[in-house]
Amino acid sequence: MSLPLAIIGHGKMGRLIEYLAPEHGFHVVARFTRASIALLSIETLAGASTAVEFTAPSAAPENLRRLAALGVRTVCGTTGWYEHLPQVRDAVESSGSALVFGPNFSVGANLFSQIVAHAASLFSRHLEYEAWGWEIHHSAKKDAPSGTLKNLAEEIRAAGFSSPVSLAANRAGSHTGTHEIGFDSSADTITLRHTARTRDAYAHGALLAARWLQSKTGVFEFRQILPQLGGTNTS
């Protein structure tokens, strides 16, 4: 059964999600841009009880609170707003709605994060190694370092790696996204890298999460629900 979907943020990602939505059993009935988000209401949602939000860090918290108040289950791919997560969580939980958020909705990138965490746990017992994290994204991406790179650094720390971790970020052109983690000693260097070929992986992941979110309540991180999601032919 095809489900009605609202797109909050009709930029490159929003348009891609709309294009791919039928593959995941959705049809888009409402689209909101930066200019039209003020018109968000039960009427303008046109029957959509699920939304995908890809906007800007400054706009996302208020968008999520408004969607929660309207009872809309939402997948949020915007990053850079997580200091507002407690207030957003309160809004979602008090309304009985649901939210999936995450710094990266690529299935492959999330599996990469698990690989990095395992590697960090191995290197944590060898204090001669230090680590770095580096990324490059397109020049329009607002936050630097990205939520994905910050999350990778958090995974390294959580795995017990106590040596220094240096982070760096570049923004240029139309690059879809590369994240690299390295462990270095005087003897050798070990490098792990994830490179996205297209934005499709992020859109497929967001739509998988939106489908999973049906009949759910509460706030979830994408990496937490990943084992419960069905796969696609895009990694």
Protein backbone atom coordinates (compact mmCIF):
# COMPACT_ATOMS: atom_id res chain seq x y z
CA MET A 1 0.00 0.00 0.00
CA SER A 2 1.40 3.40 -1.00
CA LEU A 3 1.66 5.85 1.91
CA PRO A 4 1.37 9.66 1.68
CA LEU A 5 4.64 11.48 2.42
CA ALA A 6 5.58 15.11 3.03
CA ILE A 7 8.97 16.53 2.04
CA ILE A 8 10.30 19.26 4.34
CA GLY A 9 13.09 20.97 2.42
CA HIS A 10 12.68 20.57 -1.32
CA GLY A 11 16.32 21.02 -2.30
CA LYS A 12 18.58 18.44 -3.92
CA MET A 13 17.94 15.81 -1.26
CA GLY A 14 14.24 16.55 -1.08
CA ARG A 15 13.83 16.18 -4.83
CA LEU A 16 15.84 12.95 -4.82
CA ILE A 17 13.71 11.52 -2.02
CA GLU A 18 10.59 12.41 -3.99
CA TYR A 19 11.98 10.64 -7.05
CA LEU A 20 12.85 7.48 -5.11
CA ALA A 21 9.81 7.44 -2.81
CA PRO A 22 7.71 5.06 -4.98
CA GLU A 23 10.42 2.38 -4.66
CA HIS A 24 9.72 2.36 -0.92
CA GLY A 25 5.93 2.46 -1.08
CA PHE A 26 5.40 6.22 -0.69
CA HIS A 27 3.83 8.92 -2.81
CA VAL A 28 4.61 12.57 -2.10
CA VAL A 29 1.53 14.69 -1.40
CA ALA A 30 3.13 17.81 0.11
CA ARG A 31 6.36 19.72 -0.43
CA PHE A 32 7.65 22.55 1.75
CA THR A 33 10.49 24.92 0.91
CA ARG A 34 12.18 27.46 3.19
CA ALA A 35 9.60 30.00 2.04
CA SER A 36 6.52 27.81 2.45
CA ILE A 37 7.34 26.00 5.72
CA ALA A 38 5.46 28.74 7.60
CA LEU A 39 2.29 27.36 5.99
CA LEU A 40 2.77 23.91 7.58
CA SER A 41 -0.58 22.69 8.92
CA ILE A 42 -2.87 19.68 8.91
CA GLU A 43 -4.51 21.08 5.79
CA THR A 44 -1.31 21.74 3.83
CA LEU A 45 0.09 18.31 4.77
CA ALA A 46 -2.68 16.92 2.55
CA GLY A 47 -3.06 13.69 4.50
CA ALA A 48 0.62 12.95 5.06
CA SER A 49 1.31 11.48 8.49
CA THR A 50 4.99 10.85 7.66
CA ALA A 51 7.63 13.42 6.67
CA VAL A 52 11.28 13.51 5.66
CA GLU A 53 13.16 16.64 6.78
CA PHE A 54 16.37 17.82 5.07
CA THR A 55 16.73 21.55 5.70
CA ALA A 56 19.32 23.57 7.66
CA PRO A 57 20.65 23.35 11.24
CA SER A 58 19.00 26.64 12.18
CA ALA A 59 15.58 25.52 10.92
CA ALA A 60 15.45 21.85 11.88
CA PRO A 61 14.59 22.07 15.62
CA GLU A 62 11.52 24.26 15.07
CA ASN A 63 10.44 22.17 12.06
CA LEU A 64 10.66 19.00 14.13
CA ARG A 65 8.71 20.49 17.04
CA ARG A 66 5.96 21.67 14.69
CA LEU A 67 5.74 18.32 12.94
CA ALA A 68 5.57 16.54 16.31
CA ALA A 69 2.74 18.83 17.44
CA LEU A 70 0.84 17.86 14.27
CA GLY A 71 1.37 14.16 15.01
CA VAL A 72 3.63 13.60 12.01
CA ARG A 73 6.25 10.85 12.20
CA THR A 74 9.47 12.33 10.85
CA VAL A 75 12.84 11.22 9.53
CA CYS A 76 15.41 14.01 9.92
CA GLY A 77 18.63 13.99 7.91
CA THR A 78 19.66 17.54 8.85
CA THR A 79 22.76 17.72 11.03
CA GLY A 80 24.30 20.41 13.22
CA TRP A 81 21.26 20.91 15.51
CA TYR A 82 21.78 18.19 18.12
CA GLU A 83 22.29 20.60 21.02
CA HIS A 84 18.50 21.08 20.74
CA LEU A 85 17.79 17.34 20.87
CA PRO A 86 16.45 17.36 24.48
CA GLN A 87 13.75 19.90 23.60
CA VAL A 88 12.89 18.10 20.36
CA ARG A 89 12.74 14.77 22.20
CA ASP A 90 10.33 16.28 24.75
CA ALA A 91 8.11 17.59 21.95
CA VAL A 92 8.03 14.25 20.13
CA GLU A 93 7.42 12.16 23.24
CA SER A 94 4.74 14.46 24.68
CA SER A 95 2.82 14.40 21.39
CA GLY A 96 3.01 10.62 21.00
CA SER A 97 4.73 11.09 17.65
CA ALA A 98 8.01 9.59 16.40
CA LEU A 99 11.37 10.70 15.05
CA VAL A 100 14.37 9.00 13.46
CA PHE A 101 17.47 11.17 13.21
CA GLY A 102 21.11 10.59 12.39
CA PRO A 103 24.22 12.24 11.04
CA ASN A 104 24.22 9.94 8.01
CA PHE A 105 21.45 7.81 6.48
CA SER A 106 23.73 5.83 4.19
CA VAL A 107 23.61 2.14 5.13
CA GLY A 108 27.22 1.75 4.00
CA ALA A 109 28.40 4.74 6.03
CA ASN A 110 26.76 3.36 9.16
CA LEU A 111 28.40 -0.01 8.64
CA PHE A 112 31.67 1.88 8.15
CA SER A 113 31.12 3.49 11.55
CA GLN A 114 30.89 0.05 13.13
CA ILE A 115 34.12 -0.98 11.41
CA VAL A 116 35.85 2.15 12.72
CA ALA A 117 34.63 1.43 16.26
CA HIS A 118 35.98 -2.13 16.10
CA ALA A 119 39.32 -0.92 14.75
CA ALA A 120 39.56 1.70 17.50
CA SER A 121 38.96 -0.96 20.15
CA LEU A 122 41.92 -2.93 18.75
CA PHE A 123 44.20 0.11 18.61
CA SER A 124 43.18 1.24 22.11
CA ARG A 125 45.56 -1.34 23.55
CA HIS A 126 48.52 0.08 21.61
CA LEU A 127 49.30 3.55 22.90
CA GLU A 128 51.92 4.26 20.24
CA TYR A 129 49.08 4.95 17.76
CA GLU A 130 47.34 8.28 17.32
CA ALA A 131 44.35 8.85 15.02
CA TRP A 132 42.94 11.33 12.56
CA GLY A 133 39.62 11.89 10.87
CA TRP A 134 39.24 13.78 7.59
CA GLU A 135 36.34 14.50 5.27
CA ILE A 136 35.38 16.40 2.14
CA HIS A 137 31.87 17.47 1.12
CA HIS A 138 30.32 19.78 -1.45
CA SER A 139 30.71 23.50 -0.81
CA ALA A 140 27.01 23.99 0.04
CA LYS A 141 27.18 21.80 3.15
CA LYS A 142 26.74 24.06 6.17
CA ASP A 143 28.36 22.22 9.08
CA ALA A 144 32.09 21.46 9.24
CA PRO A 145 33.14 19.06 10.60
CA SER A 146 29.98 17.20 9.66
CA GLY A 147 27.82 15.26 12.07
CA THR A 148 29.15 12.09 10.48
CA LEU A 149 32.79 12.92 11.23
CA LYS A 150 31.95 14.00 14.78
CA ASN A 151 30.05 10.75 15.27
CA LEU A 152 33.04 8.75 14.02
CA ALA A 153 35.25 10.52 16.57
CA GLU A 154 32.71 9.72 19.29
CA GLU A 155 32.71 6.05 18.24
CA ILE A 156 36.52 5.99 18.47
CA ARG A 157 36.42 7.45 21.99
CA ALA A 158 33.61 5.14 23.10
CA ALA A 159 35.69 2.17 21.97
CA GLY A 160 38.33 3.08 24.56
CA PHE A 161 40.84 4.83 22.28
CA SER A 162 42.47 7.44 24.53
CA SER A 163 45.24 8.80 22.30
CA PRO A 164 44.77 12.08 20.36
CA VAL A 165 42.26 12.18 17.47
CA SER A 166 42.75 15.10 15.04
CA LEU A 167 39.79 16.13 12.85
CA ALA A 168 39.84 18.15 9.62
CA ALA A 169 37.18 19.03 7.05
CA ASN A 170 37.19 20.43 3.51
CA ARG A 171 34.30 21.88 1.51
CA ALA A 172 34.64 22.18 -2.26
CA GLY A 173 32.73 21.76 -5.48
CA SER A 174 30.05 19.09 -5.70
CA HIS A 175 31.76 16.27 -3.82
CA THR A 176 29.15 13.85 -2.45
CA GLY A 177 31.16 12.89 0.61
CA THR A 178 34.30 11.05 1.69
CA HIS A 179 35.21 10.18 5.28
CA GLU A 180 38.62 8.84 6.22
CA ILE A 181 39.91 7.53 9.53
CA GLY A 182 43.59 6.78 10.06
CA PHE A 183 45.68 5.25 12.82
CA ASP A 184 49.36 6.20 12.73
CA SER A 185 52.53 5.22 14.58
CA SER A 186 56.23 5.56 13.87
CA ALA A 187 56.11 2.09 12.33
CA ASP A 188 53.07 2.23 10.04
CA THR A 189 49.77 3.80 9.01
CA ILE A 190 46.37 2.11 8.71
CA THR A 191 43.67 3.97 6.76
CA LEU A 192 39.92 3.31 6.56
CA ARG A 193 37.81 5.23 4.04
CA HIS A 194 34.18 5.49 2.97
CA THR A 195 33.36 7.33 -0.26
CA ALA A 196 29.80 7.99 -1.39
CA ARG A 197 29.32 7.77 -5.17
CA THR A 198 25.90 9.44 -5.24
CA ARG A 199 23.35 10.92 -2.85
CA ASP A 200 21.04 7.97 -3.57
CA ALA A 201 22.38 6.05 -0.58
CA TYR A 202 21.27 8.81 1.82
CA ALA A 203 17.82 9.01 0.23
CA HIS A 204 17.29 5.23 0.27
CA GLY A 205 18.30 5.08 3.93
CA ALA A 206 15.92 7.90 4.88
CA LEU A 207 13.05 6.21 3.06
CA LEU A 208 13.83 2.85 4.68
CA ALA A 209 13.65 4.61 8.05
CA ALA A 210 10.38 6.33 7.11
CA ARG A 211 8.82 2.98 6.25
CA TRP A 212 10.08 1.45 9.49
CA LEU A 213 8.67 4.36 11.48
CA GLN A 214 5.04 3.50 10.73
CA SER A 215 3.14 2.73 13.97
CA LYS A 216 6.20 3.62 16.09
CA THR A 217 6.39 6.22 18.85
CA GLY A 218 9.50 7.77 20.40
CA VAL A 219 12.89 9.02 19.28
CA PHE A 220 15.41 6.76 17.55
CA GLU A 221 18.85 7.08 16.02
CA PHE A 222 19.25 5.63 12.54
CA ARG A 223 22.22 3.50 13.58
CA GLN A 224 20.11 1.92 16.33
CA ILE A 225 17.36 0.78 13.97
CA LEU A 226 19.66 -0.24 11.09
CA PRO A 227 19.65 -3.97 11.99
CA GLN A 228 15.84 -3.94 11.72
CA LEU A 229 15.70 -2.43 8.24
CA GLY A 230 15.34 -4.32 5.01
CA GLY A 231 18.15 -3.81 2.51
CA THR A 232 18.21 -2.16 -0.88
CA ASN A 233 20.49 -2.68 -3.84
CA THR A 234 22.24 0.60 -2.93
CA SER A 235 24.90 0.64 -0.23
